[in-house]
Structures are given as structure tokens and as C-alpha cells.
Amino acid sequence: MVLTKERKQEIVREFGNNEKDTGNSDVQIAFLTERISHLTAHMKNNPKDHHTRYGLLKLVGQRRSLLDYLKANDIERYRILIKKLKIRK
């Protein structure tokens, strides 16, 4: 697994409201973004790994759903998160 316990705690501290706020949409999106970036690097070295590609596409879809939810409910938080995570240019 790519996310160590320490890295997860850093993400929760940065994006959550408190230390135990792992259910927050911002935190969940940050977790998914971290995993997506790791799998993207893996796919560059292993282009024929179709199982990983499938998992990567599922993660991207989950993140898209959470981003759509956040955009519909709080557009300002959505824009700040996009900028923080550098998802869009």
C-alpha cells in the first residue's frame, strides 16, 4: 500500500477539520489523489498492467464523484481543493 500511516495523518491534518476527520470529502479526495498519482507512476513503467489500469480508472471515477458532490454543495471549497491538489491547470 502506498499510503503509510504517517502520510495519512499528514493528509488528514492538512485537509481535515481535526485529527480524526477522515470522512470529510476533502480528505477522501486527497487520499484518492495520492493513490492515483502513485498508480499513474506505476503505469508509466508497466504499460501492460491491465489490472492496475482498471483499478486506476475506478479510483479516478470515485474521485470524480466526490468532486462533483463537493462542487454541487460548496463551490468555493471545491475551487480551493482543486488548487491545493493541483488537479487542474
PDB file of N, CA and C in Angstrom:
ATOM      1  N   MET A   1       0.843  -1.183   0.000  1.00  0.00           N
ATOM      2  CA  MET A   1       0.000   0.000   0.000  1.00  0.00           C
ATOM      3  C   MET A   1       0.876   1.230   0.000  1.00  0.00           C
ATOM      4  N   VAL A   2       0.504   2.187  -0.739  1.00  0.00           N
ATOM      5  CA  VAL A   2       1.329   3.374  -0.918  1.00  0.00           C
ATOM      6  C   VAL A   2       1.210   4.358   0.240  1.00  0.00           C
ATOM      7  N   LEU A   3       0.056   4.441   0.861  1.00  0.00           N
ATOM      8  CA  LEU A   3      -0.158   5.415   1.919  1.00  0.00           C
ATOM      9  C   LEU A   3       0.233   4.824   3.275  1.00  0.00           C
ATOM     10  N   THR A   4       1.317   5.335   3.830  1.00  0.00           N
ATOM     11  CA  THR A   4       1.720   4.900   5.155  1.00  0.00           C
ATOM     12  C   THR A   4       0.845   5.593   6.190  1.00  0.00           C
ATOM     13  N   LYS A   5       0.909   5.106   7.397  1.00  0.00           N
ATOM     14  CA  LYS A   5       0.114   5.677   8.477  1.00  0.00           C
ATOM     15  C   LYS A   5       0.474   7.148   8.691  1.00  0.00           C
ATOM     16  N   GLU A   6       1.765   7.450   8.624  1.00  0.00           N
ATOM     17  CA  GLU A   6       2.221   8.826   8.821  1.00  0.00           C
ATOM     18  C   GLU A   6       1.714   9.741   7.708  1.00  0.00           C
ATOM     19  N   ARG A   7       1.761   9.242   6.468  1.00  0.00           N
ATOM     20  CA  ARG A   7       1.311  10.055   5.328  1.00  0.00           C
ATOM     21  C   ARG A   7      -0.194  10.320   5.428  1.00  0.00           C
ATOM     22  N   LYS A   8      -0.958   9.324   5.851  1.00  0.00           N
ATOM     23  CA  LYS A   8      -2.399   9.514   6.029  1.00  0.00           C
ATOM     24  C   LYS A   8      -2.681  10.573   7.087  1.00  0.00           C
ATOM     25  N   GLN A   9      -1.910  10.534   8.179  1.00  0.00           N
ATOM     26  CA  GLN A   9      -2.096  11.519   9.238  1.00  0.00           C
ATOM     27  C   GLN A   9      -1.772  12.928   8.741  1.00  0.00           C
ATOM     28  N   GLU A  10      -0.735  13.055   7.908  1.00  0.00           N
ATOM     29  CA  GLU A  10      -0.389  14.357   7.324  1.00  0.00           C
ATOM     30  C   GLU A  10      -1.538  14.891   6.469  1.00  0.00           C
ATOM     31  N   ILE A  11      -2.098  14.014   5.653  1.00  0.00           N
ATOM     32  CA  ILE A  11      -3.196  14.424   4.775  1.00  0.00           C
ATOM     33  C   ILE A  11      -4.406  14.847   5.602  1.00  0.00           C
ATOM     34  N   VAL A  12      -4.723  14.089   6.646  1.00  0.00           N
ATOM     35  CA  VAL A  12      -5.869  14.429   7.496  1.00  0.00           C
ATOM     36  C   VAL A  12      -5.633  15.776   8.176  1.00  0.00           C
ATOM     37  N   ARG A  13      -4.408  16.007   8.662  1.00  0.00           N
ATOM     38  CA  ARG A  13      -4.097  17.286   9.305  1.00  0.00           C
ATOM     39  C   ARG A  13      -4.231  18.443   8.321  1.00  0.00           C
ATOM     40  N   GLU A  14      -3.795  18.226   7.088  1.00  0.00           N
ATOM     41  CA  GLU A  14      -3.803  19.303   6.090  1.00  0.00           C
ATOM     42  C   GLU A  14      -5.208  19.611   5.566  1.00  0.00           C
ATOM     43  N   PHE A  15      -6.011  18.582   5.318  1.00  0.00           N
ATOM     44  CA  PHE A  15      -7.299  18.778   4.660  1.00  0.00           C
ATOM     45  C   PHE A  15      -8.507  18.623   5.574  1.00  0.00           C
ATOM     46  N   GLY A  16      -8.343  18.008   6.736  1.00  0.00           N
ATOM     47  CA  GLY A  16      -9.465  17.783   7.632  1.00  0.00           C
ATOM     48  C   GLY A  16      -9.676  18.920   8.609  1.00  0.00           C
ATOM     49  N   ASN A  17     -10.789  18.857   9.318  1.00  0.00           N
ATOM     50  CA  ASN A  17     -11.095  19.863  10.332  1.00  0.00           C
ATOM     51  C   ASN A  17     -10.385  19.573  11.648  1.00  0.00           C
ATOM     52  N   ASN A  18     -10.126  18.281  11.918  1.00  0.00           N
ATOM     53  CA  ASN A  18      -9.387  17.889  13.113  1.00  0.00           C
ATOM     54  C   ASN A  18      -8.625  16.605  12.815  1.00  0.00           C
ATOM     55  N   GLU A  19      -7.973  16.043  13.831  1.00  0.00           N
ATOM     56  CA  GLU A  19      -7.113  14.869  13.653  1.00  0.00           C
ATOM     57  C   GLU A  19      -7.869  13.603  13.237  1.00  0.00           C
ATOM     58  N   LYS A  20      -9.144  13.515  13.583  1.00  0.00           N
ATOM     59  CA  LYS A  20      -9.898  12.288  13.318  1.00  0.00           C
ATOM     60  C   LYS A  20     -10.932  12.463  12.210  1.00  0.00           C
ATOM     61  N   ASP A  21     -10.806  13.506  11.438  1.00  0.00           N
ATOM     62  CA  ASP A  21     -11.793  13.843  10.413  1.00  0.00           C
ATOM     63  C   ASP A  21     -11.452  13.175   9.078  1.00  0.00           C
ATOM     64  N   THR A  22     -11.545  11.838   9.025  1.00  0.00           N
ATOM     65  CA  THR A  22     -11.177  11.124   7.807  1.00  0.00           C
ATOM     66  C   THR A  22     -12.338  10.988   6.831  1.00  0.00           C
ATOM     67  N   GLY A  23     -13.556  11.279   7.259  1.00  0.00           N
ATOM     68  CA  GLY A  23     -14.713  11.138   6.389  1.00  0.00           C
ATOM     69  C   GLY A  23     -15.017  12.379   5.577  1.00  0.00           C
ATOM     70  N   ASN A  24     -14.343  13.450   5.858  1.00  0.00           N
ATOM     71  CA  ASN A  24     -14.543  14.701   5.146  1.00  0.00           C
ATOM     72  C   ASN A  24     -14.271  14.498   3.650  1.00  0.00           C
ATOM     73  N   SER A  25     -15.062  15.113   2.802  1.00  0.00           N
ATOM     74  CA  SER A  25     -14.890  14.968   1.358  1.00  0.00           C
ATOM     75  C   SER A  25     -13.502  15.412   0.912  1.00  0.00           C
ATOM     76  N   ASP A  26     -13.008  16.496   1.502  1.00  0.00           N
ATOM     77  CA  ASP A  26     -11.685  16.990   1.131  1.00  0.00           C
ATOM     78  C   ASP A  26     -10.598  15.953   1.422  1.00  0.00           C
ATOM     79  N   VAL A  27     -10.699  15.310   2.565  1.00  0.00           N
ATOM     80  CA  VAL A  27      -9.714  14.303   2.957  1.00  0.00           C
ATOM     81  C   VAL A  27      -9.803  13.094   2.039  1.00  0.00           C
ATOM     82  N   GLN A  28     -11.023  12.652   1.754  1.00  0.00           N
ATOM     83  CA  GLN A  28     -11.201  11.499   0.881  1.00  0.00           C
ATOM     84  C   GLN A  28     -10.635  11.772  -0.515  1.00  0.00           C
ATOM     85  N   ILE A  29     -10.873  12.962  -1.040  1.00  0.00           N
ATOM     86  CA  ILE A  29     -10.359  13.333  -2.354  1.00  0.00           C
ATOM     87  C   ILE A  29      -8.834  13.384  -2.323  1.00  0.00           C
ATOM     88  N   ALA A  30      -8.264  13.887  -1.244  1.00  0.00           N
ATOM     89  CA  ALA A  30      -6.804  13.943  -1.118  1.00  0.00           C
ATOM     90  C   ALA A  30      -6.207  12.538  -1.061  1.00  0.00           C
ATOM     91  N   PHE A  31      -6.845  11.614  -0.328  1.00  0.00           N
ATOM     92  CA  PHE A  31      -6.390  10.223  -0.288  1.00  0.00           C
ATOM     93  C   PHE A  31      -6.399   9.616  -1.689  1.00  0.00           C
ATOM     94  N   LEU A  32      -7.511   9.796  -2.384  1.00  0.00           N
ATOM     95  CA  LEU A  32      -7.627   9.233  -3.737  1.00  0.00           C
ATOM     96  C   LEU A  32      -6.597   9.842  -4.676  1.00  0.00           C
ATOM     97  N   THR A  33      -6.355  11.135  -4.559  1.00  0.00           N
ATOM     98  CA  THR A  33      -5.381  11.795  -5.420  1.00  0.00           C
ATOM     99  C   THR A  33      -3.984  11.235  -5.180  1.00  0.00           C
ATOM    100  N   GLU A  34      -3.658  10.977  -3.934  1.00  0.00           N
ATOM    101  CA  GLU A  34      -2.353  10.402  -3.593  1.00  0.00           C
ATOM    102  C   GLU A  34      -2.202   9.014  -4.223  1.00  0.00           C
ATOM    103  N   ARG A  35      -3.238   8.187  -4.109  1.00  0.00           N
ATOM    104  CA  ARG A  35      -3.179   6.843  -4.693  1.00  0.00           C
ATOM    105  C   ARG A  35      -3.137   6.902  -6.216  1.00  0.00           C
ATOM    106  N   ILE A  36      -3.892   7.823  -6.809  1.00  0.00           N
ATOM    107  CA  ILE A  36      -3.920   7.964  -8.265  1.00  0.00           C
ATOM    108  C   ILE A  36      -2.550   8.364  -8.788  1.00  0.00           C
ATOM    109  N   SER A  37      -1.881   9.284  -8.110  1.00  0.00           N
ATOM    110  CA  SER A  37      -0.562   9.706  -8.569  1.00  0.00           C
ATOM    111  C   SER A  37       0.445   8.566  -8.475  1.00  0.00           C
ATOM    112  N   HIS A  38       0.333   7.740  -7.426  1.00  0.00           N
ATOM    113  CA  HIS A  38       1.226   6.581  -7.296  1.00  0.00           C
ATOM    114  C   HIS A  38       0.972   5.573  -8.417  1.00  0.00           C
ATOM    115  N   LEU A  39      -0.291   5.276  -8.686  1.00  0.00           N
ATOM    116  CA  LEU A  39      -0.608   4.305  -9.736  1.00  0.00           C
ATOM    117  C   LEU A  39      -0.265   4.832 -11.125  1.00  0.00           C
ATOM    118  N   THR A  40      -0.370   6.125 -11.324  1.00  0.00           N
ATOM    119  CA  THR A  40      -0.007   6.717 -12.615  1.00  0.00           C
ATOM    120  C   THR A  40       1.487   6.522 -12.875  1.00  0.00           C
ATOM    121  N   ALA A  41       2.296   6.724 -11.845  1.00  0.00           N
ATOM    122  CA  ALA A  41       3.741   6.497 -11.981  1.00  0.00           C
ATOM    123  C   ALA A  41       4.022   5.019 -12.264  1.00  0.00           C
ATOM    124  N   HIS A  42       3.289   4.134 -11.609  1.00  0.00           N
ATOM    125  CA  HIS A  42       3.452   2.698 -11.844  1.00  0.00           C
ATOM    126  C   HIS A  42       3.100   2.343 -13.286  1.00  0.00           C
ATOM    127  N   MET A  43       2.038   2.949 -13.810  1.00  0.00           N
ATOM    128  CA  MET A  43       1.600   2.641 -15.178  1.00  0.00           C
ATOM    129  C   MET A  43       2.602   3.113 -16.223  1.00  0.00           C
ATOM    130  N   LYS A  44       3.361   4.160 -15.923  1.00  0.00           N
ATOM    131  CA  LYS A  44       4.386   4.620 -16.866  1.00  0.00           C
ATOM    132  C   LYS A  44       5.473   3.574 -17.044  1.00  0.00           C
ATOM    133  N   ASN A  45       5.794   2.851 -15.973  1.00  0.00           N
ATOM    134  CA  ASN A  45       6.822   1.808 -16.041  1.00  0.00           C
ATOM    135  C   ASN A  45       6.270   0.469 -16.482  1.00  0.00           C
ATOM    136  N   ASN A  46       4.971   0.239 -16.315  1.00  0.00           N
ATOM    137  CA  ASN A  46       4.345  -1.053 -16.617  1.00  0.00           C
ATOM    138  C   ASN A  46       3.099  -0.847 -17.475  1.00  0.00           C
ATOM    139  N   PRO A  47       3.262  -0.492 -18.738  1.00  0.00           N
ATOM    140  CA  PRO A  47       2.095  -0.152 -19.567  1.00  0.00           C
ATOM    141  C   PRO A  47       1.151  -1.325 -19.848  1.00  0.00           C
ATOM    142  N   LYS A  48       1.608  -2.549 -19.693  1.00  0.00           N
ATOM    143  CA  LYS A  48       0.746  -3.696 -19.986  1.00  0.00           C
ATOM    144  C   LYS A  48       0.028  -4.244 -18.757  1.00  0.00           C
ATOM    145  N   ASP A  49       0.128  -3.562 -17.651  1.00  0.00           N
ATOM    146  CA  ASP A  49      -0.515  -3.992 -16.413  1.00  0.00           C
ATOM    147  C   ASP A  49      -1.986  -3.556 -16.433  1.00  0.00           C
ATOM    148  N   HIS A  50      -2.825  -4.380 -17.038  1.00  0.00           N
ATOM    149  CA  HIS A  50      -4.223  -4.019 -17.243  1.00  0.00           C
ATOM    150  C   HIS A  50      -5.045  -4.065 -15.956  1.00  0.00           C
ATOM    151  N   HIS A  51      -4.660  -4.892 -15.013  1.00  0.00           N
ATOM    152  CA  HIS A  51      -5.377  -4.943 -13.738  1.00  0.00           C
ATOM    153  C   HIS A  51      -5.209  -3.634 -12.977  1.00  0.00           C
ATOM    154  N   THR A  52      -4.007  -3.100 -13.000  1.00  0.00           N
ATOM    155  CA  THR A  52      -3.765  -1.818 -12.342  1.00  0.00           C
ATOM    156  C   THR A  52      -4.490  -0.696 -13.063  1.00  0.00           C
ATOM    157  N   ARG A  53      -4.527  -0.770 -14.378  1.00  0.00           N
ATOM    158  CA  ARG A  53      -5.235   0.250 -15.154  1.00  0.00           C
ATOM    159  C   ARG A  53      -6.719   0.282 -14.777  1.00  0.00           C
ATOM    160  N   TYR A  54      -7.307  -0.904 -14.614  1.00  0.00           N
ATOM    161  CA  TYR A  54      -8.712  -0.996 -14.216  1.00  0.00           C
ATOM    162  C   TYR A  54      -8.928  -0.358 -12.836  1.00  0.00           C
ATOM    163  N   GLY A  55      -8.045  -0.684 -11.893  1.00  0.00           N
ATOM    164  CA  GLY A  55      -8.141  -0.102 -10.559  1.00  0.00           C
ATOM    165  C   GLY A  55      -7.956   1.402 -10.580  1.00  0.00           C
ATOM    166  N   LEU A  56      -7.042   1.867 -11.408  1.00  0.00           N
ATOM    167  CA  LEU A  56      -6.796   3.302 -11.540  1.00  0.00           C
ATOM    168  C   LEU A  56      -8.043   4.016 -12.063  1.00  0.00           C
ATOM    169  N   LEU A  57      -8.682   3.438 -13.052  1.00  0.00           N
ATOM    170  CA  LEU A  57      -9.892   4.043 -13.604  1.00  0.00           C
ATOM    171  C   LEU A  57     -11.019   4.080 -12.572  1.00  0.00           C
ATOM    172  N   LYS A  58     -11.114   3.047 -11.740  1.00  0.00           N
ATOM    173  CA  LYS A  58     -12.121   3.047 -10.674  1.00  0.00           C
ATOM    174  C   LYS A  58     -11.848   4.157  -9.672  1.00  0.00           C
ATOM    175  N   LEU A  59     -10.577   4.343  -9.311  1.00  0.00           N
ATOM    176  CA  LEU A  59     -10.217   5.406  -8.373  1.00  0.00           C
ATOM    177  C   LEU A  59     -10.516   6.786  -8.942  1.00  0.00           C
ATOM    178  N   VAL A  60     -10.218   6.963 -10.221  1.00  0.00           N
ATOM    179  CA  VAL A  60     -10.498   8.246 -10.863  1.00  0.00           C
ATOM    180  C   VAL A  60     -12.006   8.514 -10.869  1.00  0.00           C
ATOM    181  N   GLY A  61     -12.800   7.483 -11.110  1.00  0.00           N
ATOM    182  CA  GLY A  61     -14.255   7.634 -11.080  1.00  0.00           C
ATOM    183  C   GLY A  61     -14.775   7.986  -9.693  1.00  0.00           C
ATOM    184  N   GLN A  62     -14.200   7.363  -8.666  1.00  0.00           N
ATOM    185  CA  GLN A  62     -14.601   7.678  -7.283  1.00  0.00           C
ATOM    186  C   GLN A  62     -14.271   9.133  -6.962  1.00  0.00           C
ATOM    187  N   ARG A  63     -13.063   9.552  -7.349  1.00  0.00           N
ATOM    188  CA  ARG A  63     -12.666  10.933  -7.074  1.00  0.00           C
ATOM    189  C   ARG A  63     -13.556  11.901  -7.827  1.00  0.00           C
ATOM    190  N   ARG A  64     -13.909  11.565  -9.066  1.00  0.00           N
ATOM    191  CA  ARG A  64     -14.784  12.424  -9.864  1.00  0.00           C
ATOM    192  C   ARG A  64     -16.139  12.588  -9.182  1.00  0.00           C
ATOM    193  N   SER A  65     -16.675  11.484  -8.650  1.00  0.00           N
ATOM    194  CA  SER A  65     -17.962  11.541  -7.961  1.00  0.00           C
ATOM    195  C   SER A  65     -17.893  12.446  -6.738  1.00  0.00           C
ATOM    196  N   LEU A  66     -16.836  12.302  -5.948  1.00  0.00           N
ATOM    197  CA  LEU A  66     -16.680  13.145  -4.766  1.00  0.00           C
ATOM    198  C   LEU A  66     -16.494  14.615  -5.147  1.00  0.00           C
ATOM    199  N   LEU A  67     -15.744  14.865  -6.217  1.00  0.00           N
ATOM    200  CA  LEU A  67     -15.555  16.247  -6.675  1.00  0.00           C
ATOM    201  C   LEU A  67     -16.870  16.843  -7.167  1.00  0.00           C
ATOM    202  N   ASP A  68     -17.672  16.054  -7.860  1.00  0.00           N
ATOM    203  CA  ASP A  68     -18.980  16.537  -8.311  1.00  0.00           C
ATOM    204  C   ASP A  68     -19.868  16.888  -7.127  1.00  0.00           C
ATOM    205  N   TYR A  69     -19.847  16.036  -6.098  1.00  0.00           N
ATOM    206  CA  TYR A  69     -20.622  16.295  -4.888  1.00  0.00           C
ATOM    207  C   TYR A  69     -20.176  17.595  -4.231  1.00  0.00           C
ATOM    208  N   LEU A  70     -18.878  17.768  -4.102  1.00  0.00           N
ATOM    209  CA  LEU A  70     -18.340  18.967  -3.462  1.00  0.00           C
ATOM    210  C   LEU A  70     -18.666  20.214  -4.278  1.00  0.00           C
ATOM    211  N   LYS A  71     -18.581  20.096  -5.589  1.00  0.00           N
ATOM    212  CA  LYS A  71     -18.880  21.231  -6.464  1.00  0.00           C
ATOM    213  C   LYS A  71     -20.343  21.642  -6.342  1.00  0.00           C
ATOM    214  N   ALA A  72     -21.227  20.668  -6.216  1.00  0.00           N
ATOM    215  CA  ALA A  72     -22.656  20.967  -6.112  1.00  0.00           C
ATOM    216  C   ALA A  72     -23.012  21.605  -4.772  1.00  0.00           C
ATOM    217  N   ASN A  73     -22.280  21.247  -3.709  1.00  0.00           N
ATOM    218  CA  ASN A  73     -22.631  21.718  -2.376  1.00  0.00           C
ATOM    219  C   ASN A  73     -21.839  22.923  -1.893  1.00  0.00           C
ATOM    220  N   ASP A  74     -20.587  23.044  -2.305  1.00  0.00           N
ATOM    221  CA  ASP A  74     -19.754  24.152  -1.827  1.00  0.00           C
ATOM    222  C   ASP A  74     -18.701  24.475  -2.883  1.00  0.00           C
ATOM    223  N   ILE A  75     -19.041  25.353  -3.807  1.00  0.00           N
ATOM    224  CA  ILE A  75     -18.188  25.647  -4.954  1.00  0.00           C
ATOM    225  C   ILE A  75     -16.851  26.270  -4.533  1.00  0.00           C
ATOM    226  N   GLU A  76     -16.856  27.080  -3.481  1.00  0.00           N
ATOM    227  CA  GLU A  76     -15.614  27.724  -3.042  1.00  0.00           C
ATOM    228  C   GLU A  76     -14.629  26.697  -2.491  1.00  0.00           C
ATOM    229  N   ARG A  77     -15.133  25.771  -1.667  1.00  0.00           N
ATOM    230  CA  ARG A  77     -14.280  24.704  -1.132  1.00  0.00           C
ATOM    231  C   ARG A  77     -13.735  23.839  -2.265  1.00  0.00           C
ATOM    232  N   TYR A  78     -14.567  23.601  -3.274  1.00  0.00           N
ATOM    233  CA  TYR A  78     -14.164  22.839  -4.454  1.00  0.00           C
ATOM    234  C   TYR A  78     -12.996  23.526  -5.150  1.00  0.00           C
ATOM    235  N   ARG A  79     -13.110  24.823  -5.387  1.00  0.00           N
ATOM    236  CA  ARG A  79     -12.051  25.568  -6.081  1.00  0.00           C
ATOM    237  C   ARG A  79     -10.758  25.593  -5.283  1.00  0.00           C
ATOM    238  N   ILE A  80     -10.870  25.755  -3.972  1.00  0.00           N
ATOM    239  CA  ILE A  80      -9.680  25.769  -3.120  1.00  0.00           C
ATOM    240  C   ILE A  80      -8.994  24.406  -3.144  1.00  0.00           C
ATOM    241  N   LEU A  81      -9.782  23.340  -3.079  1.00  0.00           N
ATOM    242  CA  LEU A  81      -9.229  21.989  -3.078  1.00  0.00           C
ATOM    243  C   LEU A  81      -8.539  21.669  -4.398  1.00  0.00           C
ATOM    244  N   ILE A  82      -9.161  22.048  -5.498  1.00  0.00           N
ATOM    245  CA  ILE A  82      -8.566  21.819  -6.818  1.00  0.00           C
ATOM    246  C   ILE A  82      -7.207  22.521  -6.913  1.00  0.00           C
ATOM    247  N   LYS A  83      -7.156  23.730  -6.405  1.00  0.00           N
ATOM    248  CA  LYS A  83      -5.918  24.498  -6.439  1.00  0.00           C
ATOM    249  C   LYS A  83      -4.852  23.880  -5.539  1.00  0.00           C
ATOM    250  N   LYS A  84      -5.249  23.433  -4.337  1.00  0.00           N
ATOM    251  CA  LYS A  84      -4.306  22.828  -3.385  1.00  0.00           C
ATOM    252  C   LYS A  84      -3.710  21.537  -3.926  1.00  0.00           C
ATOM    253  N   LEU A  85      -4.564  20.707  -4.517  1.00  0.00           N
ATOM    254  CA  LEU A  85      -4.118  19.404  -5.003  1.00  0.00           C
ATOM    255  C   LEU A  85      -3.500  19.461  -6.400  1.00  0.00           C
ATOM    256  N   LYS A  86      -3.642  20.623  -7.050  1.00  0.00           N
ATOM    257  CA  LYS A  86      -3.104  20.820  -8.408  1.00  0.00           C
ATOM    258  C   LYS A  86      -3.659  19.763  -9.373  1.00  0.00           C
ATOM    259  N   ILE A  87      -4.979  19.565  -9.301  1.00  0.00           N
ATOM    260  CA  ILE A  87      -5.628  18.582 -10.166  1.00  0.00           C
ATOM    261  C   ILE A  87      -5.817  19.157 -11.562  1.00  0.00           C
ATOM    262  N   ARG A  88      -6.256  20.400 -11.638  1.00  0.00           N
ATOM    263  CA  ARG A  88      -6.463  21.046 -12.929  1.00  0.00           C
ATOM    264  C   ARG A  88      -5.438  22.149 -13.083  1.00  0.00           C
ATOM    265  N   LYS A  89      -5.180  22.495 -14.314  1.00  0.00           N
ATOM    266  CA  LYS A  89      -4.180  23.551 -14.562  1.00  0.00           C
ATOM    267  C   LYS A  89      -4.828  24.842 -14.945  1.00  0.00           C
TER     268      LYS A  89
END
